[in-house]
Amino acid sequence: MTTEQKVQILAEITTTNEVDPVRAGRHFTTLYDADDLWALEEEGLIEVNRPVHEATGIEYSEEHWAVQVTPDGIDLVEAHPEYCPE
């Protein structure tokens, strides 16, 4: 994944899209490629909260996950404003 692709995702990713009317209400796991999300997480640019059911120890399904851009992810976006979506 290129720096430009990373910045484009990081600049707009939220748990549930609320800005773009075409993508409004869609969960981040349906908007982005799973491999891209995994790569961003492995690089420490995003954190994905995957809650676990306390009584069973089973991870909740994807619609319960939340995403947050890390400080390193924010720094990358701020370093490359030319790649941010309009």
PDB file of N, CA and C in Angstrom:
ATOM      1  N   MET A   1       0.858  -1.169   0.000  1.00  0.00           N
ATOM      2  CA  MET A   1       0.000   0.000   0.000  1.00  0.00           C
ATOM      3  C   MET A   1       0.906   1.235   0.000  1.00  0.00           C
ATOM      4  N   THR A   2       0.593   2.173  -0.871  1.00  0.00           N
ATOM      5  CA  THR A   2       1.394   3.392  -0.972  1.00  0.00           C
ATOM      6  C   THR A   2       1.046   4.363   0.150  1.00  0.00           C
ATOM      7  N   THR A   3       1.926   5.325   0.349  1.00  0.00           N
ATOM      8  CA  THR A   3       1.658   6.373   1.337  1.00  0.00           C
ATOM      9  C   THR A   3       0.377   7.110   0.983  1.00  0.00           C
ATOM     10  N   GLU A   4       0.176   7.369  -0.297  1.00  0.00           N
ATOM     11  CA  GLU A   4      -1.041   8.065  -0.731  1.00  0.00           C
ATOM     12  C   GLU A   4      -2.289   7.269  -0.356  1.00  0.00           C
ATOM     13  N   GLN A   5      -2.278   5.966  -0.589  1.00  0.00           N
ATOM     14  CA  GLN A   5      -3.437   5.131  -0.238  1.00  0.00           C
ATOM     15  C   GLN A   5      -3.678   5.126   1.272  1.00  0.00           C
ATOM     16  N   LYS A   6      -2.607   5.038   2.043  1.00  0.00           N
ATOM     17  CA  LYS A   6      -2.734   5.062   3.503  1.00  0.00           C
ATOM     18  C   LYS A   6      -3.373   6.359   3.969  1.00  0.00           C
ATOM     19  N   VAL A   7      -2.847   7.471   3.476  1.00  0.00           N
ATOM     20  CA  VAL A   7      -3.348   8.788   3.891  1.00  0.00           C
ATOM     21  C   VAL A   7      -4.812   8.947   3.506  1.00  0.00           C
ATOM     22  N   GLN A   8      -5.189   8.493   2.325  1.00  0.00           N
ATOM     23  CA  GLN A   8      -6.580   8.629   1.900  1.00  0.00           C
ATOM     24  C   GLN A   8      -7.524   7.879   2.833  1.00  0.00           C
ATOM     25  N   ILE A   9      -7.124   6.707   3.296  1.00  0.00           N
ATOM     26  CA  ILE A   9      -7.956   5.955   4.236  1.00  0.00           C
ATOM     27  C   ILE A   9      -7.927   6.621   5.610  1.00  0.00           C
ATOM     28  N   LEU A  10      -6.740   6.916   6.100  1.00  0.00           N
ATOM     29  CA  LEU A  10      -6.601   7.484   7.442  1.00  0.00           C
ATOM     30  C   LEU A  10      -7.310   8.825   7.585  1.00  0.00           C
ATOM     31  N   ALA A  11      -7.329   9.620   6.519  1.00  0.00           N
ATOM     32  CA  ALA A  11      -7.920  10.950   6.582  1.00  0.00           C
ATOM     33  C   ALA A  11      -9.431  10.916   6.743  1.00  0.00           C
ATOM     34  N   GLU A  12     -10.059   9.789   6.409  1.00  0.00           N
ATOM     35  CA  GLU A  12     -11.517   9.769   6.450  1.00  0.00           C
ATOM     36  C   GLU A  12     -12.124   8.614   7.243  1.00  0.00           C
ATOM     37  N   ILE A  13     -11.316   7.669   7.716  1.00  0.00           N
ATOM     38  CA  ILE A  13     -11.883   6.489   8.354  1.00  0.00           C
ATOM     39  C   ILE A  13     -12.530   6.822   9.709  1.00  0.00           C
ATOM     40  N   THR A  14     -13.708   6.323   9.887  1.00  0.00           N
ATOM     41  CA  THR A  14     -14.439   6.387  11.147  1.00  0.00           C
ATOM     42  C   THR A  14     -15.157   5.052  11.288  1.00  0.00           C
ATOM     43  N   THR A  15     -15.636   4.760  12.482  1.00  0.00           N
ATOM     44  CA  THR A  15     -16.308   3.479  12.683  1.00  0.00           C
ATOM     45  C   THR A  15     -17.513   3.354  11.769  1.00  0.00           C
ATOM     46  N   THR A  16     -18.352   4.393  11.745  1.00  0.00           N
ATOM     47  CA  THR A  16     -19.512   4.420  10.852  1.00  0.00           C
ATOM     48  C   THR A  16     -19.466   5.725  10.074  1.00  0.00           C
ATOM     49  N   ASN A  17     -19.478   5.633   8.754  1.00  0.00           N
ATOM     50  CA  ASN A  17     -19.382   6.813   7.916  1.00  0.00           C
ATOM     51  C   ASN A  17     -20.636   7.668   8.075  1.00  0.00           C
ATOM     52  N   GLU A  18     -20.432   8.946   8.361  1.00  0.00           N
ATOM     53  CA  GLU A  18     -21.564   9.860   8.520  1.00  0.00           C
ATOM     54  C   GLU A  18     -21.471  11.076   7.615  1.00  0.00           C
ATOM     55  N   VAL A  19     -20.366  11.197   6.883  1.00  0.00           N
ATOM     56  CA  VAL A  19     -20.141  12.394   6.075  1.00  0.00           C
ATOM     57  C   VAL A  19     -20.660  12.246   4.652  1.00  0.00           C
ATOM     58  N   ASP A  20     -20.238  11.216   3.987  1.00  0.00           N
ATOM     59  CA  ASP A  20     -20.589  10.988   2.590  1.00  0.00           C
ATOM     60  C   ASP A  20     -22.003  10.415   2.491  1.00  0.00           C
ATOM     61  N   PRO A  21     -22.937  11.117   1.855  1.00  0.00           N
ATOM     62  CA  PRO A  21     -24.317  10.632   1.803  1.00  0.00           C
ATOM     63  C   PRO A  21     -24.475   9.278   1.109  1.00  0.00           C
ATOM     64  N   VAL A  22     -23.584   8.949   0.180  1.00  0.00           N
ATOM     65  CA  VAL A  22     -23.657   7.667  -0.516  1.00  0.00           C
ATOM     66  C   VAL A  22     -23.231   6.531   0.419  1.00  0.00           C
ATOM     67  N   ARG A  23     -22.274   6.824   1.301  1.00  0.00           N
ATOM     68  CA  ARG A  23     -21.739   5.804   2.197  1.00  0.00           C
ATOM     69  C   ARG A  23     -22.241   5.963   3.632  1.00  0.00           C
ATOM     70  N   ALA A  24     -23.177   6.858   3.851  1.00  0.00           N
ATOM     71  CA  ALA A  24     -23.671   7.150   5.201  1.00  0.00           C
ATOM     72  C   ALA A  24     -24.196   5.894   5.884  1.00  0.00           C
ATOM     73  N   GLY A  25     -23.807   5.727   7.137  1.00  0.00           N
ATOM     74  CA  GLY A  25     -24.281   4.613   7.934  1.00  0.00           C
ATOM     75  C   GLY A  25     -23.542   3.313   7.709  1.00  0.00           C
ATOM     76  N   ARG A  26     -22.615   3.286   6.761  1.00  0.00           N
ATOM     77  CA  ARG A  26     -21.874   2.051   6.477  1.00  0.00           C
ATOM     78  C   ARG A  26     -20.709   1.905   7.438  1.00  0.00           C
ATOM     79  N   HIS A  27     -20.505   0.706   7.911  1.00  0.00           N
ATOM     80  CA  HIS A  27     -19.453   0.388   8.863  1.00  0.00           C
ATOM     81  C   HIS A  27     -18.110   0.296   8.150  1.00  0.00           C
ATOM     82  N   PHE A  28     -17.046   0.685   8.852  1.00  0.00           N
ATOM     83  CA  PHE A  28     -15.724   0.715   8.216  1.00  0.00           C
ATOM     84  C   PHE A  28     -15.300  -0.634   7.648  1.00  0.00           C
ATOM     85  N   THR A  29     -15.753  -1.725   8.233  1.00  0.00           N
ATOM     86  CA  THR A  29     -15.367  -3.046   7.718  1.00  0.00           C
ATOM     87  C   THR A  29     -16.005  -3.351   6.368  1.00  0.00           C
ATOM     88  N   THR A  30     -17.046  -2.603   6.000  1.00  0.00           N
ATOM     89  CA  THR A  30     -17.671  -2.794   4.689  1.00  0.00           C
ATOM     90  C   THR A  30     -17.141  -1.795   3.658  1.00  0.00           C
ATOM     91  N   LEU A  31     -16.447  -0.775   4.119  1.00  0.00           N
ATOM     92  CA  LEU A  31     -15.961   0.271   3.215  1.00  0.00           C
ATOM     93  C   LEU A  31     -14.526   0.062   2.750  1.00  0.00           C
ATOM     94  N   TYR A  32     -13.750  -0.660   3.527  1.00  0.00           N
ATOM     95  CA  TYR A  32     -12.324  -0.810   3.227  1.00  0.00           C
ATOM     96  C   TYR A  32     -11.963  -2.284   3.129  1.00  0.00           C
ATOM     97  N   ASP A  33     -10.965  -2.566   2.325  1.00  0.00           N
ATOM     98  CA  ASP A  33     -10.467  -3.915   2.144  1.00  0.00           C
ATOM     99  C   ASP A  33      -9.863  -4.423   3.456  1.00  0.00           C
ATOM    100  N   ALA A  34     -10.203  -5.637   3.836  1.00  0.00           N
ATOM    101  CA  ALA A  34      -9.719  -6.222   5.094  1.00  0.00           C
ATOM    102  C   ALA A  34      -8.189  -6.266   5.144  1.00  0.00           C
ATOM    103  N   ASP A  35      -7.549  -6.555   4.017  1.00  0.00           N
ATOM    104  CA  ASP A  35      -6.083  -6.594   3.986  1.00  0.00           C
ATOM    105  C   ASP A  35      -5.487  -5.210   4.236  1.00  0.00           C
ATOM    106  N   ASP A  36      -6.127  -4.168   3.699  1.00  0.00           N
ATOM    107  CA  ASP A  36      -5.654  -2.804   3.932  1.00  0.00           C
ATOM    108  C   ASP A  36      -5.800  -2.432   5.401  1.00  0.00           C
ATOM    109  N   LEU A  37      -6.932  -2.779   5.998  1.00  0.00           N
ATOM    110  CA  LEU A  37      -7.135  -2.492   7.420  1.00  0.00           C
ATOM    111  C   LEU A  37      -6.111  -3.222   8.271  1.00  0.00           C
ATOM    112  N   TRP A  38      -5.862  -4.479   7.947  1.00  0.00           N
ATOM    113  CA  TRP A  38      -4.884  -5.262   8.684  1.00  0.00           C
ATOM    114  C   TRP A  38      -3.498  -4.625   8.572  1.00  0.00           C
ATOM    115  N   ALA A  39      -3.130  -4.193   7.361  1.00  0.00           N
ATOM    116  CA  ALA A  39      -1.818  -3.573   7.148  1.00  0.00           C
ATOM    117  C   ALA A  39      -1.685  -2.281   7.947  1.00  0.00           C
ATOM    118  N   LEU A  40      -2.727  -1.461   7.952  1.00  0.00           N
ATOM    119  CA  LEU A  40      -2.698  -0.213   8.719  1.00  0.00           C
ATOM    120  C   LEU A  40      -2.580  -0.494  10.209  1.00  0.00           C
ATOM    121  N   GLU A  41      -3.264  -1.516  10.658  1.00  0.00           N
ATOM    122  CA  GLU A  41      -3.204  -1.878  12.073  1.00  0.00           C
ATOM    123  C   GLU A  41      -1.812  -2.425  12.421  1.00  0.00           C
ATOM    124  N   GLU A  42      -1.264  -3.261  11.575  1.00  0.00           N
ATOM    125  CA  GLU A  42       0.073  -3.823  11.815  1.00  0.00           C
ATOM    126  C   GLU A  42       1.141  -2.731  11.880  1.00  0.00           C
ATOM    127  N   GLU A  43       0.951  -1.663  11.093  1.00  0.00           N
ATOM    128  CA  GLU A  43       1.901  -0.548  11.082  1.00  0.00           C
ATOM    129  C   GLU A  43       1.689   0.390  12.249  1.00  0.00           C
ATOM    130  N   GLY A  44       0.615   0.173  13.003  1.00  0.00           N
ATOM    131  CA  GLY A  44       0.336   1.033  14.147  1.00  0.00           C
ATOM    132  C   GLY A  44      -0.328   2.340  13.776  1.00  0.00           C
ATOM    133  N   LEU A  45      -0.961   2.391  12.597  1.00  0.00           N
ATOM    134  CA  LEU A  45      -1.604   3.623  12.137  1.00  0.00           C
ATOM    135  C   LEU A  45      -3.075   3.696  12.541  1.00  0.00           C
ATOM    136  N   ILE A  46      -3.686   2.540  12.810  1.00  0.00           N
ATOM    137  CA  ILE A  46      -5.050   2.492  13.345  1.00  0.00           C
ATOM    138  C   ILE A  46      -5.090   1.466  14.469  1.00  0.00           C
ATOM    139  N   GLU A  47      -6.092   1.609  15.331  1.00  0.00           N
ATOM    140  CA  GLU A  47      -6.387   0.614  16.352  1.00  0.00           C
ATOM    141  C   GLU A  47      -7.814   0.147  16.114  1.00  0.00           C
ATOM    142  N   VAL A  48      -8.002  -1.161  16.087  1.00  0.00           N
ATOM    143  CA  VAL A  48      -9.337  -1.716  15.930  1.00  0.00           C
ATOM    144  C   VAL A  48      -9.701  -2.377  17.251  1.00  0.00           C
ATOM    145  N   ASN A  49     -10.774  -1.891  17.849  1.00  0.00           N
ATOM    146  CA  ASN A  49     -11.272  -2.473  19.094  1.00  0.00           C
ATOM    147  C   ASN A  49     -12.219  -3.601  18.727  1.00  0.00           C
ATOM    148  N   ARG A  50     -11.857  -4.805  19.136  1.00  0.00           N
ATOM    149  CA  ARG A  50     -12.672  -5.997  18.881  1.00  0.00           C
ATOM    150  C   ARG A  50     -13.157  -6.533  20.227  1.00  0.00           C
ATOM    151  N   PRO A  51     -14.318  -6.089  20.671  1.00  0.00           N
ATOM    152  CA  PRO A  51     -14.770  -6.495  22.006  1.00  0.00           C
ATOM    153  C   PRO A  51     -15.028  -7.997  22.103  1.00  0.00           C
ATOM    154  N   VAL A  52     -14.818  -8.514  23.298  1.00  0.00           N
ATOM    155  CA  VAL A  52     -15.004  -9.932  23.579  1.00  0.00           C
ATOM    156  C   VAL A  52     -16.116 -10.069  24.610  1.00  0.00           C
ATOM    157  N   HIS A  53     -17.028 -10.989  24.365  1.00  0.00           N
ATOM    158  CA  HIS A  53     -18.117 -11.256  25.304  1.00  0.00           C
ATOM    159  C   HIS A  53     -17.505 -11.806  26.584  1.00  0.00           C
ATOM    160  N   GLU A  54     -17.752 -11.122  27.676  1.00  0.00           N
ATOM    161  CA  GLU A  54     -17.103 -11.460  28.936  1.00  0.00           C
ATOM    162  C   GLU A  54     -17.414 -12.881  29.406  1.00  0.00           C
ATOM    163  N   ALA A  55     -18.655 -13.295  29.326  1.00  0.00           N
ATOM    164  CA  ALA A  55     -19.049 -14.607  29.851  1.00  0.00           C
ATOM    165  C   ALA A  55     -18.546 -15.774  29.000  1.00  0.00           C
ATOM    166  N   THR A  56     -18.513 -15.587  27.679  1.00  0.00           N
ATOM    167  CA  THR A  56     -18.142 -16.702  26.803  1.00  0.00           C
ATOM    168  C   THR A  56     -16.704 -16.631  26.299  1.00  0.00           C
ATOM    169  N   GLY A  57     -16.114 -15.426  26.314  1.00  0.00           N
ATOM    170  CA  GLY A  57     -14.778 -15.255  25.767  1.00  0.00           C
ATOM    171  C   GLY A  57     -14.744 -15.217  24.254  1.00  0.00           C
ATOM    172  N   ILE A  58     -15.912 -15.149  23.631  1.00  0.00           N
ATOM    173  CA  ILE A  58     -16.009 -15.121  22.170  1.00  0.00           C
ATOM    174  C   ILE A  58     -16.032 -13.666  21.697  1.00  0.00           C
ATOM    175  N   GLU A  59     -15.239 -13.408  20.662  1.00  0.00           N
ATOM    176  CA  GLU A  59     -15.181 -12.071  20.080  1.00  0.00           C
ATOM    177  C   GLU A  59     -16.506 -11.729  19.418  1.00  0.00           C
ATOM    178  N   TYR A  60     -16.983 -10.500  19.645  1.00  0.00           N
ATOM    179  CA  TYR A  60     -18.193 -10.035  18.971  1.00  0.00           C
ATOM    180  C   TYR A  60     -17.938  -9.916  17.472  1.00  0.00           C
ATOM    181  N   SER A  61     -18.993  -9.961  16.681  1.00  0.00           N
ATOM    182  CA  SER A  61     -18.875  -9.865  15.224  1.00  0.00           C
ATOM    183  C   SER A  61     -18.443  -8.458  14.808  1.00  0.00           C
ATOM    184  N   GLU A  62     -18.042  -8.341  13.551  1.00  0.00           N
ATOM    185  CA  GLU A  62     -17.457  -7.112  13.026  1.00  0.00           C
ATOM    186  C   GLU A  62     -18.313  -5.865  13.230  1.00  0.00           C
ATOM    187  N   GLU A  63     -19.625  -5.989  13.193  1.00  0.00           N
ATOM    188  CA  GLU A  63     -20.454  -4.782  13.327  1.00  0.00           C
ATOM    189  C   GLU A  63     -20.311  -4.134  14.710  1.00  0.00           C
ATOM    190  N   HIS A  64     -19.691  -4.829  15.643  1.00  0.00           N
ATOM    191  CA  HIS A  64     -19.457  -4.290  16.986  1.00  0.00           C
ATOM    192  C   HIS A  64     -18.058  -3.710  17.141  1.00  0.00           C
ATOM    193  N   TRP A  65     -17.224  -3.847  16.117  1.00  0.00           N
ATOM    194  CA  TRP A  65     -15.865  -3.336  16.178  1.00  0.00           C
ATOM    195  C   TRP A  65     -15.871  -1.814  16.015  1.00  0.00           C
ATOM    196  N   ALA A  66     -14.824  -1.186  16.530  1.00  0.00           N
ATOM    197  CA  ALA A  66     -14.646   0.258  16.384  1.00  0.00           C
ATOM    198  C   ALA A  66     -13.214   0.517  15.933  1.00  0.00           C
ATOM    199  N   VAL A  67     -13.018   1.601  15.204  1.00  0.00           N
ATOM    200  CA  VAL A  67     -11.685   1.942  14.692  1.00  0.00           C
ATOM    201  C   VAL A  67     -11.313   3.343  15.155  1.00  0.00           C
ATOM    202  N   GLN A  68     -10.019   3.520  15.365  1.00  0.00           N
ATOM    203  CA  GLN A  68      -9.497   4.824  15.748  1.00  0.00           C
ATOM    204  C   GLN A  68      -8.132   5.001  15.104  1.00  0.00           C
ATOM    205  N   VAL A  69      -7.876   6.183  14.578  1.00  0.00           N
ATOM    206  CA  VAL A  69      -6.564   6.489  14.006  1.00  0.00           C
ATOM    207  C   VAL A  69      -5.626   6.807  15.169  1.00  0.00           C
ATOM    208  N   THR A  70      -4.450   6.227  15.138  1.00  0.00           N
ATOM    209  CA  THR A  70      -3.470   6.433  16.204  1.00  0.00           C
ATOM    210  C   THR A  70      -2.727   7.758  15.999  1.00  0.00           C
ATOM    211  N   PRO A  71      -1.980   8.207  17.001  1.00  0.00           N
ATOM    212  CA  PRO A  71      -1.157   9.403  16.808  1.00  0.00           C
ATOM    213  C   PRO A  71      -0.192   9.280  15.625  1.00  0.00           C
ATOM    214  N   ASP A  72       0.377   8.086  15.406  1.00  0.00           N
ATOM    215  CA  ASP A  72       1.258   7.898  14.243  1.00  0.00           C
ATOM    216  C   ASP A  72       0.483   8.060  12.937  1.00  0.00           C
ATOM    217  N   GLY A  73      -0.761   7.590  12.903  1.00  0.00           N
ATOM    218  CA  GLY A  73      -1.602   7.755  11.727  1.00  0.00           C
ATOM    219  C   GLY A  73      -1.935   9.211  11.470  1.00  0.00           C
ATOM    220  N   ILE A  74      -2.223   9.933  12.538  1.00  0.00           N
ATOM    221  CA  ILE A  74      -2.510  11.369  12.416  1.00  0.00           C
ATOM    222  C   ILE A  74      -1.280  12.101  11.901  1.00  0.00           C
ATOM    223  N   ASP A  75      -0.114  11.744  12.434  1.00  0.00           N
ATOM    224  CA  ASP A  75       1.129  12.372  11.970  1.00  0.00           C
ATOM    225  C   ASP A  75       1.363  12.134  10.482  1.00  0.00           C
ATOM    226  N   LEU A  76       1.071  10.920  10.010  1.00  0.00           N
ATOM    227  CA  LEU A  76       1.248  10.609   8.590  1.00  0.00           C
ATOM    228  C   LEU A  76       0.323  11.467   7.723  1.00  0.00           C
ATOM    229  N   VAL A  77      -0.925  11.611   8.147  1.00  0.00           N
ATOM    230  CA  VAL A  77      -1.873  12.438   7.388  1.00  0.00           C
ATOM    231  C   VAL A  77      -1.403  13.897   7.382  1.00  0.00           C
ATOM    232  N   GLU A  78      -1.007  14.389   8.536  1.00  0.00           N
ATOM    233  CA  GLU A  78      -0.562  15.784   8.613  1.00  0.00           C
ATOM    234  C   GLU A  78       0.708  16.044   7.803  1.00  0.00           C
ATOM    235  N   ALA A  79       1.543  15.019   7.639  1.00  0.00           N
ATOM    236  CA  ALA A  79       2.762  15.166   6.858  1.00  0.00           C
ATOM    237  C   ALA A  79       2.515  15.148   5.351  1.00  0.00           C
ATOM    238  N   HIS A  80       1.331  14.674   4.951  1.00  0.00           N
ATOM    239  CA  HIS A  80       1.026  14.553   3.515  1.00  0.00           C
ATOM    240  C   HIS A  80      -0.367  15.096   3.183  1.00  0.00           C
ATOM    241  N   PRO A  81      -0.613  16.372   3.410  1.00  0.00           N
ATOM    242  CA  PRO A  81      -1.937  16.933   3.117  1.00  0.00           C
ATOM    243  C   PRO A  81      -2.298  16.863   1.638  1.00  0.00           C
ATOM    244  N   GLU A  82      -1.282  16.756   0.797  1.00  0.00           N
ATOM    245  CA  GLU A  82      -1.555  16.691  -0.649  1.00  0.00           C
ATOM    246  C   GLU A  82      -2.301  15.403  -1.048  1.00  0.00           C
ATOM    247  N   TYR A  83      -2.287  14.405  -0.203  1.00  0.00           N
ATOM    248  CA  TYR A  83      -2.964  13.150  -0.498  1.00  0.00           C
ATOM    249  C   TYR A  83      -4.357  13.052   0.121  1.00  0.00           C
ATOM    250  N   CYS A  84      -4.718  14.023   0.947  1.00  0.00           N
ATOM    251  CA  CYS A  84      -6.028  13.970   1.603  1.00  0.00           C
ATOM    252  C   CYS A  84      -7.147  14.156   0.598  1.00  0.00           C
ATOM    253  N   PRO A  85      -8.233  13.389   0.759  1.00  0.00           N
ATOM    254  CA  PRO A  85      -9.384  13.553  -0.142  1.00  0.00           C
ATOM    255  C   PRO A  85      -9.979  14.950   0.004  1.00  0.00           C
ATOM    256  N   GLU A  86     -10.518  15.437  -1.065  1.00  0.00           N
ATOM    257  CA  GLU A  86     -11.150  16.778  -1.060  1.00  0.00           C
ATOM    258  C   GLU A  86     -12.414  16.783  -0.263  1.00  0.00           C
TER     259      GLU A  86
END
